[in-house]
Protein backbone atom coordinates (compact mmCIF):
# COMPACT_ATOMS: atom_id res chain seq x y z
CA MET A 1 -46.92 -0.20 142.43
CA SER A 2 -47.63 -3.32 144.39
CA ILE A 3 -50.13 -5.91 143.20
CA LEU A 4 -52.64 -4.69 145.80
CA GLU A 5 -52.29 -1.10 144.56
CA TRP A 6 -52.84 -2.20 140.95
CA VAL A 7 -55.98 -4.11 141.96
CA LYS A 8 -57.33 -0.94 143.60
CA VAL A 9 -56.64 1.18 140.53
CA LEU A 10 -58.22 -1.28 138.03
CA PRO A 11 -61.79 0.17 138.24
CA ARG A 12 -60.42 3.60 137.34
CA LEU A 13 -58.43 2.21 134.42
CA ARG A 14 -61.57 0.57 133.07
CA THR A 15 -63.47 3.86 132.96
CA SER A 16 -60.81 6.42 132.00
CA LEU A 17 -57.77 6.63 129.77
CA ASP A 18 -54.18 7.00 130.83
CA VAL A 19 -53.28 10.72 130.67
CA GLU A 20 -50.47 10.31 128.12
CA ILE A 21 -52.53 8.07 125.84
CA GLU A 22 -55.47 10.48 126.07
CA SER A 23 -53.34 13.48 125.11
CA ILE A 24 -52.08 11.71 121.98
CA LEU A 25 -55.57 10.64 120.91
CA MET A 26 -57.04 14.08 121.67
CA PHE A 27 -54.49 15.66 119.34
CA SER A 28 -56.06 13.72 116.46
CA TYR A 29 -59.60 14.33 117.69
CA ASN A 30 -59.08 18.08 117.84
CA SER A 31 -58.01 18.08 114.19
CA LEU A 32 -61.52 17.03 113.13
CA ASP A 33 -64.20 19.57 112.21
CA GLU A 34 -67.26 19.80 114.47
CA GLU A 35 -69.49 17.51 112.40
CA ASP A 36 -66.86 14.76 112.23
CA LYS A 37 -66.28 15.10 115.98
CA ASP A 38 -69.99 14.64 116.53
CA LEU A 39 -70.09 11.60 114.25
CA PHE A 40 -67.13 10.10 116.13
CA ARG A 41 -68.97 10.51 119.46
CA HIS A 42 -72.04 8.82 117.97
CA MET A 43 -69.92 5.92 116.78
CA ALA A 44 -67.95 5.47 120.00
CA CYS A 45 -70.93 5.72 122.33
CA PHE A 46 -73.67 3.97 120.37
CA PHE A 47 -73.07 2.66 116.85
CA ARG A 48 -69.70 0.94 116.90
CA ARG A 49 -71.31 -2.50 116.49
CA GLU A 50 -73.69 -1.58 113.67
CA LYS A 51 -73.41 -2.10 109.93
CA ILE A 52 -72.64 0.90 107.76
CA GLU A 53 -76.02 0.60 106.02
CA THR A 54 -77.82 0.66 109.38
CA ILE A 55 -75.82 3.69 110.54
CA GLU A 56 -76.87 5.56 107.41
CA GLU A 57 -80.51 4.76 108.15
CA PHE A 58 -80.27 6.13 111.69
CA LEU A 59 -78.04 9.14 111.08
CA GLY A 60 -78.83 10.07 107.48
CA LYS A 61 -81.02 13.02 108.50
CA LYS A 62 -78.55 14.36 111.06
CA PHE A 63 -75.33 14.40 109.03
CA VAL A 64 -74.83 15.73 105.52
CA ASP A 65 -73.12 12.56 104.23
CA VAL A 66 -72.74 9.75 106.76
CA ARG A 67 -70.68 7.45 104.53
CA GLN A 68 -68.25 10.24 103.66
CA GLY A 69 -67.95 11.13 107.34
CA LEU A 70 -67.19 7.50 108.19
CA GLN A 71 -64.57 7.44 105.45
CA ILE A 72 -62.89 10.52 106.94
CA LEU A 73 -62.81 8.85 110.36
CA ALA A 74 -61.39 5.70 108.76
CA ASP A 75 -58.71 7.69 106.90
CA LYS A 76 -57.65 9.20 110.24
CA SER A 77 -57.67 5.74 111.89
CA PHE A 78 -60.54 6.44 114.30
CA LEU A 79 -62.29 3.36 112.98
CA SER A 80 -62.05 0.76 110.23
CA MET A 81 -64.62 -0.39 107.69
CA ASN A 82 -64.57 -3.99 106.56
CA LEU A 83 -67.22 -5.75 104.45
CA GLY A 84 -69.86 -3.22 105.41
CA ASN A 85 -69.09 -3.38 109.15
CA ILE A 86 -67.54 -0.89 111.55
CA GLN A 87 -64.72 -1.74 113.95
CA MET A 88 -63.25 0.53 116.63
CA HIS A 89 -60.32 -0.01 118.95
CA ASN A 90 -61.24 -0.10 122.64
CA LEU A 91 -59.00 2.89 123.42
CA LEU A 92 -60.81 5.00 120.83
CA VAL A 93 -64.17 3.88 122.18
CA GLN A 94 -63.02 4.93 125.64
CA LEU A 95 -61.84 8.28 124.25
CA GLY A 96 -65.31 9.01 122.86
CA VAL A 97 -66.98 7.93 126.10
CA ASP A 98 -64.59 10.13 128.14
CA ILE A 99 -65.23 13.15 125.94
CA VAL A 100 -68.97 12.78 126.46
CA ARG A 101 -68.57 12.15 130.21
CA LYS A 102 -66.67 15.43 130.57
CA GLN A 103 -69.60 17.30 129.06
CA SER A 104 -71.13 17.08 132.54
CA ILE A 105 -69.12 15.11 135.08
CA HIS A 106 -71.45 15.49 138.06
CA ASN A 107 -74.81 15.51 136.27
CA PRO A 108 -74.91 12.63 133.77
CA GLY A 109 -78.39 13.64 132.61
CA LYS A 110 -76.85 16.63 130.83
CA ARG A 111 -74.59 14.55 128.59
CA GLN A 112 -75.14 13.66 124.95
CA PHE A 113 -74.97 9.88 125.55
CA LEU A 114 -75.23 7.60 128.57
CA VAL A 115 -73.42 4.23 128.49
CA ASP A 116 -72.38 3.62 132.11
CA ALA A 117 -74.84 1.47 134.08
CA LYS A 118 -74.38 3.44 137.30
CA ASP A 119 -75.01 6.78 135.59
CA ILE A 120 -78.06 5.43 133.76
CA CYS A 121 -79.53 4.06 137.00
CA GLU A 122 -79.09 7.45 138.63
CA VAL A 123 -80.80 9.31 135.79
CA LEU A 124 -83.72 6.90 135.43
CA THR A 125 -84.50 6.65 139.14
CA ASN A 126 -84.08 10.36 139.95
CA ASP A 127 -85.67 11.90 136.83
CA THR A 128 -82.53 13.91 136.06
CA GLY A 129 -82.48 13.43 132.28
CA THR A 130 -82.48 16.58 130.12
CA LYS A 131 -83.08 17.69 126.54
CA THR A 132 -79.33 17.24 125.87
CA LEU A 133 -79.59 13.44 125.98
CA ILE A 134 -79.99 11.80 122.59
CA GLY A 135 -78.84 8.24 123.32
CA ILE A 136 -78.91 5.68 126.15
CA ASP A 137 -77.17 2.30 125.78
CA LEU A 138 -77.52 0.04 128.81
CA GLU A 139 -76.04 -3.44 128.85
CA LEU A 140 -77.92 -4.93 131.78
CA SER A 141 -75.12 -7.29 132.73
CA GLY A 142 -73.43 -4.15 134.09
CA ILE A 143 -75.99 -3.97 136.90
CA ILE A 144 -74.45 -6.24 139.49
CA GLU A 145 -76.87 -5.99 142.41
CA GLY A 146 -80.64 -5.65 142.43
CA GLY A 147 -82.67 -4.01 139.70
CA ILE A 148 -83.75 -0.55 138.61
CA ASN A 149 -87.12 0.89 139.56
CA ILE A 150 -87.61 3.31 136.71
CA SER A 151 -89.68 6.36 137.52
CA GLU A 152 -92.97 6.82 135.67
CA ARG A 153 -91.71 10.21 134.45
CA ALA A 154 -88.11 9.15 133.81
CA PHE A 155 -88.16 10.11 130.12
CA GLU A 156 -90.32 13.25 130.27
CA LYS A 157 -87.43 15.72 130.16
CA MET A 158 -85.55 13.71 127.51
CA TYR A 159 -87.69 14.98 124.67
CA ASN A 160 -84.74 14.90 122.23
CA LEU A 161 -83.95 11.24 122.93
CA GLN A 162 -83.42 9.45 119.59
CA PHE A 163 -81.70 6.16 120.48
CA LEU A 164 -82.69 3.87 123.36
CA ARG A 165 -81.15 0.44 123.86
CA PHE A 166 -81.70 -1.84 126.88
CA HIS A 167 -80.23 -5.24 126.05
CA HIS A 168 -79.47 -8.56 127.76
CA PRO A 169 -76.32 -10.17 126.38
CA TYR A 170 -76.36 -13.00 128.87
CA GLY A 171 -79.93 -14.23 128.63
CA ASP A 172 -82.05 -15.02 131.67
CA ARG A 173 -79.51 -13.84 134.20
CA CYS A 174 -80.82 -10.30 133.64
CA HIS A 175 -84.52 -11.17 133.77
CA ASP A 176 -86.84 -8.52 135.27
CA ILE A 177 -83.95 -6.21 136.13
CA LEU A 178 -85.81 -3.14 134.79
CA CYS A 179 -89.03 -2.45 136.68
CA LEU A 180 -91.76 0.13 136.05
CA PRO A 181 -93.88 -0.17 139.20
CA GLN A 182 -95.97 2.92 138.32
CA GLY A 183 -96.00 2.43 134.57
CA LEU A 184 -94.52 4.83 132.04
CA SER A 185 -96.07 8.12 131.00
CA TYR A 186 -93.82 9.25 128.16
CA ILE A 187 -91.15 8.28 125.64
CA SER A 188 -89.70 10.79 123.20
CA ARG A 189 -91.52 11.07 119.87
CA LYS A 190 -88.14 11.66 118.22
CA LEU A 191 -87.00 8.08 118.84
CA ARG A 192 -85.42 6.45 115.80
CA LEU A 193 -84.27 3.30 117.61
CA LEU A 194 -86.28 1.61 120.36
CA HIS A 195 -84.54 -1.55 121.56
CA TRP A 196 -86.00 -2.65 124.89
CA GLU A 197 -85.77 -6.37 125.55
CA ARG A 198 -88.09 -7.74 128.26
CA TYR A 199 -90.16 -4.57 128.40
CA PRO A 200 -92.27 -5.19 131.52
CA LEU A 201 -95.55 -3.48 130.54
CA THR A 202 -98.39 -4.63 128.29
CA CYS A 203 -98.29 -1.55 126.05
CA LEU A 204 -96.14 1.47 125.25
CA PRO A 205 -97.29 4.83 126.73
CA SER A 206 -100.64 6.06 125.40
CA LYS A 207 -99.05 9.22 124.00
CA PHE A 208 -96.22 7.38 122.28
CA ASN A 209 -95.69 8.45 118.67
CA PRO A 210 -93.63 6.09 116.49
CA GLU A 211 -93.50 8.44 113.50
CA PHE A 212 -89.69 8.59 113.28
CA LEU A 213 -88.91 5.01 114.33
CA VAL A 214 -86.52 3.18 112.00
CA LYS A 215 -86.15 0.06 114.11
CA ILE A 216 -88.07 -1.40 117.04
CA ASN A 217 -86.89 -4.45 118.99
CA MET A 218 -89.03 -5.54 121.94
CA ARG A 219 -88.04 -9.22 122.15
CA ASP A 220 -89.19 -11.29 125.15
CA SER A 221 -91.49 -8.52 126.38
CA MET A 222 -94.79 -8.59 128.27
CA LEU A 223 -96.48 -6.66 125.48
CA GLU A 224 -100.06 -7.49 124.51
CA LYS A 225 -99.98 -4.80 121.85
CA LEU A 226 -97.49 -2.11 120.89
CA TRP A 227 -99.54 1.07 121.15
CA GLU A 228 -103.06 2.44 121.14
CA GLY A 229 -104.67 3.51 117.87
CA ASN A 230 -103.33 3.62 114.33
CA GLU A 231 -100.04 5.49 114.30
CA PRO A 232 -98.01 6.33 111.18
CA ILE A 233 -94.84 4.24 110.83
CA ARG A 234 -93.55 5.35 107.42
CA ASN A 235 -89.89 5.31 108.49
CA LEU A 236 -89.95 1.86 110.10
CA LYS A 237 -87.66 -0.69 108.45
CA CYS A 238 -87.37 -3.46 111.03
CA MET A 239 -89.76 -4.73 113.72
CA ASP A 240 -88.75 -7.54 116.08
CA LEU A 241 -91.38 -8.78 118.55
CA SER A 242 -90.03 -12.32 118.87
CA SER A 243 -91.02 -14.30 121.97
CA CYS A 244 -93.60 -11.75 123.11
CA VAL A 245 -95.78 -14.64 124.29
CA ASN A 246 -98.72 -12.41 125.33
CA LEU A 247 -98.84 -10.41 122.10
CA ASN A 248 -102.30 -10.81 120.56
CA GLU A 249 -102.48 -7.78 118.30
CA LEU A 250 -100.14 -6.22 115.76
CA PRO A 251 -100.29 -2.51 114.97
CA ASP A 252 -101.92 -1.28 111.79
CA LEU A 253 -99.36 -1.62 109.00
CA SER A 254 -101.13 0.53 106.42
CA THR A 255 -98.35 3.12 106.50
CA ALA A 256 -95.45 0.63 106.88
CA THR A 257 -94.41 1.11 103.28
CA ASN A 258 -90.68 0.97 104.11
CA LEU A 259 -90.82 -2.08 106.41
CA GLN A 260 -88.26 -4.64 105.22
CA GLU A 261 -88.13 -7.19 108.06
CA LEU A 262 -90.82 -8.42 110.46
CA ARG A 263 -89.92 -10.90 113.21
CA LEU A 264 -92.73 -12.55 115.18
CA ARG A 265 -91.09 -15.81 116.24
CA ASN A 266 -92.77 -17.63 119.14
CA CYS A 267 -95.57 -15.11 119.60
CA LEU A 268 -97.74 -17.81 121.13
CA SER A 269 -100.91 -15.70 121.55
CA LEU A 270 -100.97 -14.24 118.05
CA VAL A 271 -104.03 -15.58 116.18
CA GLU A 272 -103.86 -13.54 112.98
CA LEU A 273 -101.85 -11.09 110.94
CA PRO A 274 -103.62 -7.83 110.07
CA SER A 275 -104.90 -7.48 106.51
CA SER A 276 -103.01 -4.18 106.42
CA ILE A 277 -99.80 -6.20 106.05
CA GLY A 278 -100.50 -6.05 102.34
CA ASN A 279 -99.50 -2.39 102.43
CA ALA A 280 -95.98 -3.33 103.56
CA THR A 281 -95.02 -3.73 99.92
CA ASN A 282 -91.25 -3.54 100.59
CA LEU A 283 -91.25 -6.34 103.16
CA GLU A 284 -88.54 -8.86 102.25
CA LYS A 285 -88.40 -11.17 105.28
CA LEU A 286 -91.27 -12.39 107.46
CA TYR A 287 -90.51 -14.66 110.42
CA ALA A 288 -93.51 -16.19 112.20
CA ASP A 289 -91.96 -19.49 113.33
CA GLY A 290 -93.56 -20.99 116.41
CA CYS A 291 -96.76 -18.88 116.24
CA SER A 292 -98.76 -21.94 117.26
CA ARG A 293 -102.17 -20.20 117.30
CA LEU A 294 -101.82 -18.56 113.89
CA ALA A 295 -104.67 -20.19 111.97
CA GLU A 296 -104.50 -18.44 108.61
CA LEU A 297 -102.72 -15.83 106.56
CA PRO A 298 -104.63 -12.87 105.12
CA SER A 299 -105.14 -12.92 101.36
CA SER A 300 -103.53 -9.47 101.26
CA ILE A 301 -100.17 -11.17 101.81
CA GLY A 302 -100.15 -11.64 98.05
CA LYS A 303 -99.59 -7.90 97.68
CA ILE A 304 -96.16 -8.09 99.30
CA THR A 305 -94.54 -8.67 95.95
CA ASN A 306 -91.01 -8.06 97.25
CA LEU A 307 -91.22 -10.83 99.85
CA ARG A 308 -88.23 -13.17 99.53
CA GLU A 309 -88.31 -15.23 102.73
CA LEU A 310 -91.38 -16.62 104.54
CA HIS A 311 -90.65 -18.55 107.74
CA LEU A 312 -93.67 -20.38 109.21
CA MET A 313 -92.04 -23.35 110.90
CA ASN A 314 -94.13 -24.94 113.70
CA CYS A 315 -97.24 -22.87 113.00
CA SER A 316 -99.24 -25.92 114.07
CA SER A 317 -102.70 -24.31 113.68
CA LEU A 318 -102.17 -23.17 110.10
CA VAL A 319 -104.62 -25.11 107.90
CA GLU A 320 -104.17 -23.68 104.43
CA PHE A 321 -102.55 -20.96 102.37
CA PRO A 322 -104.40 -18.23 100.49
CA SER A 323 -104.24 -18.62 96.73
CA SER A 324 -102.70 -15.15 96.54
CA ILE A 325 -99.35 -16.72 97.44
CA GLY A 326 -98.95 -17.15 93.71
CA ASN A 327 -98.44 -13.39 93.45
CA LEU A 328 -95.20 -13.63 95.43
CA THR A 329 -93.07 -13.88 92.33
CA TYR A 330 -89.86 -12.95 94.17
CA LEU A 331 -90.32 -15.55 96.94
CA GLU A 332 -87.16 -17.65 97.24
CA TYR A 333 -87.54 -19.41 100.62
CA LEU A 334 -90.64 -21.03 102.14
CA ASN A 335 -90.41 -23.07 105.34
CA LEU A 336 -93.59 -24.82 106.51
CA SER A 337 -91.92 -27.54 108.58
CA GLY A 338 -93.98 -28.55 111.61
CA CYS A 339 -97.22 -27.09 110.23
CA SER A 340 -99.02 -30.24 111.34
CA SER A 341 -102.54 -28.96 110.47
CA LEU A 342 -101.68 -27.86 106.96
CA VAL A 343 -103.91 -29.81 104.54
CA LYS A 344 -102.88 -28.48 101.15
CA LEU A 345 -100.96 -25.90 99.18
CA PRO A 346 -102.74 -23.81 96.52
CA SER A 347 -102.07 -24.64 92.89
CA SER A 348 -101.07 -21.00 92.37
CA ILE A 349 -97.71 -21.85 93.95
CA GLU A 350 -96.58 -22.56 90.38
CA ASN A 351 -96.43 -18.79 89.85
CA ALA A 352 -93.75 -18.44 92.52
CA THR A 353 -91.18 -19.11 89.83
CA ASN A 354 -88.24 -17.86 91.90
CA LEU A 355 -88.90 -20.31 94.74
CA GLN A 356 -85.62 -22.10 95.49
CA THR A 357 -86.26 -23.73 98.89
CA LEU A 358 -89.44 -25.46 100.09
CA TYR A 359 -89.49 -27.31 103.43
CA LEU A 360 -92.55 -29.32 104.46
CA ASN A 361 -91.05 -31.60 107.13
CA GLY A 362 -93.59 -32.79 109.66
CA CYS A 363 -96.64 -31.56 107.72
CA SER A 364 -98.47 -34.69 108.84
CA SER A 365 -101.92 -33.58 107.57
CA LEU A 366 -100.73 -32.62 104.10
CA VAL A 367 -102.75 -34.81 101.74
CA GLU A 368 -101.06 -33.97 98.48
CA LEU A 369 -98.84 -31.56 96.66
CA PRO A 370 -100.39 -29.70 93.73
CA SER A 371 -99.09 -30.95 90.40
CA SER A 372 -98.21 -27.35 89.57
CA VAL A 373 -95.40 -27.38 92.15
CA GLY A 374 -93.21 -28.88 89.44
CA ASN A 375 -93.54 -25.60 87.52
CA ALA A 376 -91.50 -23.80 90.16
CA ILE A 377 -88.56 -24.05 87.80
CA ASN A 378 -85.95 -22.63 90.19
CA LEU A 379 -86.71 -25.03 93.04
CA ARG A 380 -83.38 -26.38 94.33
CA ARG A 381 -84.05 -27.74 97.83
CA SER A 382 -87.12 -29.52 99.11
CA SER A 383 -87.92 -31.87 101.99
CA LEU A 384 -91.10 -33.74 103.02
CA LYS A 385 -89.82 -35.81 105.91
CA ASN A 386 -92.56 -37.22 108.17
CA CYS A 387 -95.41 -36.17 105.86
CA SER A 388 -97.34 -39.33 106.66
CA SER A 389 -100.60 -38.37 104.90
CA THR A 390 -99.05 -37.33 101.62
CA GLY A 391 -99.99 -39.64 98.75
CA GLU A 392 -98.22 -39.84 95.43
CA LEU A 393 -95.87 -37.01 94.61
CA PRO A 394 -96.62 -35.18 91.37
CA SER A 395 -94.51 -36.57 88.56
CA SER A 396 -93.52 -33.07 87.48
CA ILE A 397 -91.41 -32.65 90.60
CA TRP A 398 -88.89 -35.19 89.31
CA ASN A 399 -88.23 -33.28 86.11
CA ASP A 400 -85.86 -30.65 87.49
CA GLU A 401 -82.29 -31.96 87.38
CA ASN A 402 -81.11 -29.26 89.81
CA LEU A 403 -83.54 -30.19 92.58
CA ARG A 404 -81.97 -31.57 95.76
CA LEU A 405 -84.44 -33.87 97.48
CA SER A 406 -84.55 -35.17 101.02
CA PRO A 407 -84.10 -38.94 101.56
CA SER A 408 -87.78 -39.20 102.46
CA MET A 409 -88.72 -38.03 98.98
CA PHE A 410 -86.51 -40.66 97.39
CA ILE A 411 -88.25 -43.28 99.54
CA ALA A 412 -91.61 -41.94 98.40
CA ARG A 413 -90.47 -42.09 94.77
CA ALA A 414 -89.23 -45.68 95.20
CA SER A 415 -92.60 -46.62 96.66
CA GLU A 416 -94.38 -45.18 93.64
CA VAL A 417 -92.12 -47.07 91.25
CA SER A 418 -92.69 -50.36 93.09
CA LYS A 419 -96.45 -50.02 92.56
CA HIS A 420 -95.89 -50.25 88.83
């Protein structure tokens, strides 16, 4: 064909396989049993970028043995597994997408998955979704012109929807591209993944039930709170509300016993963490960097005995720590840099014997370090740069030969020596 003819055929090549290539790949696909075929479609249309551990969390209740199913697909070269990650060739991804598209060529709302931006726009604006749909993955860079005015009832017929992902790979270029001019009346209670960046409303639908949620990511949203009332979230493992600048209330975490990671970075309106956070006993990582109005931490934080990382950088209103921090015996990383109102640390910090990293850069109101800090025997990295109010450093801090100190601490030590 001529160059002009090839240019015209390119859009078709991007969305469908060559007939000969498809026939070869379909021969292998047809050799799979029905469950492995279903797992392959899940991988090709939605989970090809996820870690194996994450896939097991999402699909563990649907398939008998997810890891064994992935191994079968790997043995037959449908995918590869490397260091806990999944990789799929683009042709095999396209095969899975084509198989699902042919489930209903003219009515995309009757397919198992939706991944094409044009098809998703059609379904969301015309309310043509059905109970067949279990996953929608929309990369908003695929919407070239204008935005999408999503119908208030767009998700009402999708009551089996389990996986919803609206994401912005190219940052602000996709800002405000999803609009809900009449609000939103319903989202499936069967959702296991809710990933909706820049969600335009202040709250999720009043009837929303997060009971089966494993992961929720609502970064950069207009949320003021997640939902009304106290809803059970026993299955939730990860919550990311970073840069929700209007967020002023977190949900009740009394039932969040499986929560492992909580991200609240740059939630500028958040004044406090709920005392119920103490019930999230399996929480390992808490990110609250840039929460500039966060004035204190609840004493119940000491109940999160599995906490390993606590990120509080630039929490400029934080004045002091609860003494219960000493109960965090597994804590390895504590970053308080930029906490300019922080006056002191509790002496109980000596009980955090696994603490390896302590950053206090820019804690300009910090008067002194407790002498007990030297009892944190595993401390390896520490920095107190620009801590202008800090007096003498406790002598015990110099006893650990493995401690790596910032230059500012050496200067402070030299100053102490010169006095004598």
